[in-house]
C-alpha cells in the first residue's frame, strides 16, 4: 500500500470516528476532541462495545436516511 492509499484509509476512518462520536454525544466539544484524538477514540469505542451487534454499520446508515 503506497502513501496515497494509506492516507485515504486514514481519512475515511477519521470521518467514521467523527460520525460515531456525533451519534452518541451530539456535542461540539466532544466532536473536536474526537477529531484530534480519533484513533484513540475509535479504539475506545471498539473496546467498550459501542460498535458491537451491528452498530458499526447502523451508525453510518443513520446519516444517509
N, C-alpha and C. Protein backbone atom coordinates (compact mmCIF):
# COMPACT_ATOMS: atom_id res chain seq x y z
N UNK A 1 0.85 -1.16 0.00
CA UNK A 1 0.00 0.00 0.00
C UNK A 1 0.90 1.23 0.00
N UNK A 2 0.70 2.09 -0.97
CA UNK A 2 1.56 3.27 -1.00
C UNK A 2 0.98 4.37 -0.12
N UNK A 3 1.66 5.48 -0.06
CA UNK A 3 1.29 6.55 0.87
C UNK A 3 -0.08 7.13 0.58
N UNK A 4 -0.45 7.27 -0.67
CA UNK A 4 -1.75 7.85 -1.01
C UNK A 4 -2.88 6.93 -0.56
N UNK A 5 -2.74 5.63 -0.75
CA UNK A 5 -3.79 4.71 -0.33
C UNK A 5 -3.96 4.71 1.18
N UNK A 6 -2.87 4.76 1.90
CA UNK A 6 -2.97 4.75 3.36
C UNK A 6 -3.56 6.06 3.88
N UNK A 7 -3.30 7.17 3.20
CA UNK A 7 -3.88 8.43 3.66
C UNK A 7 -5.37 8.48 3.40
N UNK A 8 -5.85 7.83 2.36
CA UNK A 8 -7.29 7.77 2.10
C UNK A 8 -7.98 6.92 3.16
N UNK A 9 -7.38 5.81 3.52
CA UNK A 9 -7.94 4.96 4.57
C UNK A 9 -7.94 5.71 5.89
N UNK A 10 -6.89 6.43 6.18
CA UNK A 10 -6.78 7.22 7.41
C UNK A 10 -7.89 8.28 7.45
N UNK A 11 -8.15 8.94 6.34
CA UNK A 11 -9.20 9.95 6.26
C UNK A 11 -10.58 9.33 6.46
N UNK A 12 -10.84 8.21 5.83
CA UNK A 12 -12.14 7.55 5.96
C UNK A 12 -12.38 7.08 7.39
N UNK A 13 -11.37 6.51 8.03
CA UNK A 13 -11.52 6.08 9.42
C UNK A 13 -11.71 7.28 10.35
N UNK A 14 -11.08 8.40 10.06
CA UNK A 14 -11.27 9.60 10.85
C UNK A 14 -12.69 10.13 10.74
N UNK A 15 -13.23 10.14 9.54
CA UNK A 15 -14.62 10.57 9.34
C UNK A 15 -15.58 9.61 10.03
N UNK A 16 -15.28 8.33 9.96
CA UNK A 16 -16.12 7.33 10.63
C UNK A 16 -16.12 7.56 12.15
N UNK A 17 -14.96 7.87 12.72
CA UNK A 17 -14.89 8.13 14.16
C UNK A 17 -15.71 9.36 14.53
N UNK A 18 -15.69 10.37 13.68
CA UNK A 18 -16.50 11.56 13.95
C UNK A 18 -17.99 11.26 13.87
N UNK A 19 -18.37 10.41 12.94
CA UNK A 19 -19.78 10.01 12.83
C UNK A 19 -20.24 9.24 14.06
N UNK A 20 -19.39 8.36 14.56
CA UNK A 20 -19.72 7.59 15.76
C UNK A 20 -19.83 8.52 16.96
N UNK A 21 -18.91 9.46 17.07
CA UNK A 21 -18.94 10.40 18.18
C UNK A 21 -20.21 11.24 18.15
N UNK A 22 -20.59 11.75 17.01
CA UNK A 22 -21.78 12.58 16.92
C UNK A 22 -23.04 11.77 17.21
N UNK A 23 -23.05 10.51 16.81
CA UNK A 23 -24.20 9.64 17.05
C UNK A 23 -24.44 9.45 18.55
N UNK A 24 -23.39 9.31 19.31
CA UNK A 24 -23.52 9.06 20.74
C UNK A 24 -23.53 10.33 21.59
N UNK A 25 -22.85 11.40 21.20
CA UNK A 25 -22.65 12.54 22.09
C UNK A 25 -23.41 13.80 21.71
N UNK A 26 -23.50 14.15 20.45
CA UNK A 26 -24.14 15.38 19.98
C UNK A 26 -23.57 16.63 20.65
N UNK A 27 -22.27 16.67 20.80
CA UNK A 27 -21.62 17.85 21.40
C UNK A 27 -20.43 18.30 20.57
N UNK A 28 -20.34 19.61 20.38
CA UNK A 28 -19.27 20.17 19.56
C UNK A 28 -17.90 19.95 20.21
N UNK A 29 -17.83 20.14 21.53
CA UNK A 29 -16.53 19.99 22.22
C UNK A 29 -16.05 18.55 22.11
N UNK A 30 -16.95 17.59 22.31
CA UNK A 30 -16.56 16.18 22.18
C UNK A 30 -16.18 15.85 20.74
N UNK A 31 -16.85 16.49 19.78
CA UNK A 31 -16.52 16.26 18.37
C UNK A 31 -15.12 16.78 18.06
N UNK A 32 -14.77 17.92 18.61
CA UNK A 32 -13.43 18.48 18.39
C UNK A 32 -12.38 17.57 19.03
N UNK A 33 -12.65 17.09 20.24
CA UNK A 33 -11.71 16.18 20.90
C UNK A 33 -11.57 14.87 20.13
N UNK A 34 -12.68 14.37 19.60
CA UNK A 34 -12.62 13.14 18.81
C UNK A 34 -11.86 13.37 17.51
N UNK A 35 -11.96 14.57 16.95
CA UNK A 35 -11.22 14.89 15.73
C UNK A 35 -9.72 14.90 16.00
N UNK A 36 -9.33 15.40 17.16
CA UNK A 36 -7.91 15.47 17.49
C UNK A 36 -7.36 14.08 17.82
N UNK A 37 -8.12 13.33 18.62
CA UNK A 37 -7.65 12.03 19.11
C UNK A 37 -8.47 10.88 18.52
N UNK A 38 -8.84 10.95 17.25
CA UNK A 38 -9.77 9.96 16.71
C UNK A 38 -9.25 8.53 16.72
N UNK A 39 -7.95 8.25 16.53
CA UNK A 39 -7.55 6.84 16.62
C UNK A 39 -7.80 6.24 18.00
N UNK A 40 -7.50 7.02 19.04
CA UNK A 40 -7.74 6.55 20.39
C UNK A 40 -9.23 6.42 20.68
N UNK A 41 -10.02 7.38 20.17
CA UNK A 41 -11.46 7.33 20.38
C UNK A 41 -12.07 6.10 19.70
N UNK A 42 -11.63 5.79 18.51
CA UNK A 42 -12.17 4.64 17.79
C UNK A 42 -11.80 3.34 18.49
N UNK A 43 -10.59 3.24 19.00
CA UNK A 43 -10.19 2.05 19.76
C UNK A 43 -11.02 1.95 21.04
N UNK A 44 -11.27 3.08 21.70
CA UNK A 44 -12.09 3.09 22.91
C UNK A 44 -13.50 2.59 22.61
N UNK A 45 -14.10 3.05 21.53
CA UNK A 45 -15.45 2.62 21.18
C UNK A 45 -15.48 1.13 20.85
N UNK A 46 -14.44 0.64 20.21
CA UNK A 46 -14.38 -0.79 19.91
C UNK A 46 -14.26 -1.63 21.18
N UNK A 47 -13.43 -1.18 22.11
CA UNK A 47 -13.20 -1.94 23.34
C UNK A 47 -14.39 -1.90 24.29
N UNK A 48 -15.14 -0.80 24.30
CA UNK A 48 -16.29 -0.71 25.20
C UNK A 48 -17.52 -1.39 24.65
N UNK A 49 -17.50 -1.76 23.38
CA UNK A 49 -18.62 -2.50 22.81
C UNK A 49 -19.70 -1.64 22.19
N UNK A 50 -19.46 -0.35 22.02
CA UNK A 50 -20.46 0.51 21.41
C UNK A 50 -20.64 0.26 19.92
N UNK A 51 -19.72 -0.46 19.31
CA UNK A 51 -19.83 -0.76 17.89
C UNK A 51 -20.19 -2.22 17.64
N UNK A 52 -20.60 -2.93 18.68
CA UNK A 52 -20.95 -4.34 18.52
C UNK A 52 -22.42 -4.49 18.13
N UNK A 53 -22.80 -5.68 17.80
CA UNK A 53 -24.18 -6.05 17.43
C UNK A 53 -24.69 -5.24 16.25
N UNK A 54 -23.84 -4.99 15.29
CA UNK A 54 -24.25 -4.33 14.06
C UNK A 54 -24.29 -2.82 14.13
N UNK A 55 -23.91 -2.23 15.25
CA UNK A 55 -23.91 -0.77 15.35
C UNK A 55 -22.86 -0.14 14.46
N UNK A 56 -21.81 -0.89 14.12
CA UNK A 56 -20.76 -0.35 13.25
C UNK A 56 -21.30 -0.02 11.87
N UNK A 57 -22.39 -0.68 11.44
CA UNK A 57 -22.97 -0.30 10.15
C UNK A 57 -24.26 0.49 10.31
N UNK A 58 -24.92 0.41 11.44
CA UNK A 58 -26.14 1.16 11.66
C UNK A 58 -25.86 2.65 11.80
N UNK A 59 -24.77 3.00 12.46
CA UNK A 59 -24.44 4.40 12.70
C UNK A 59 -24.21 5.16 11.39
N UNK A 60 -23.37 4.70 10.46
CA UNK A 60 -23.21 5.46 9.21
C UNK A 60 -24.50 5.48 8.38
N UNK A 61 -25.26 4.41 8.41
CA UNK A 61 -26.50 4.39 7.62
C UNK A 61 -27.53 5.38 8.18
N UNK A 62 -27.47 5.68 9.48
CA UNK A 62 -28.43 6.62 10.05
C UNK A 62 -28.24 8.04 9.50
N UNK A 63 -27.07 8.38 9.02
CA UNK A 63 -26.82 9.70 8.47
C UNK A 63 -27.34 9.83 7.03
N UNK A 64 -27.58 8.74 6.36
CA UNK A 64 -27.97 8.80 4.95
C UNK A 64 -29.42 8.40 4.71
N UNK A 65 -30.21 8.34 5.77
CA UNK A 65 -31.63 8.02 5.58
C UNK A 65 -32.42 9.26 5.35
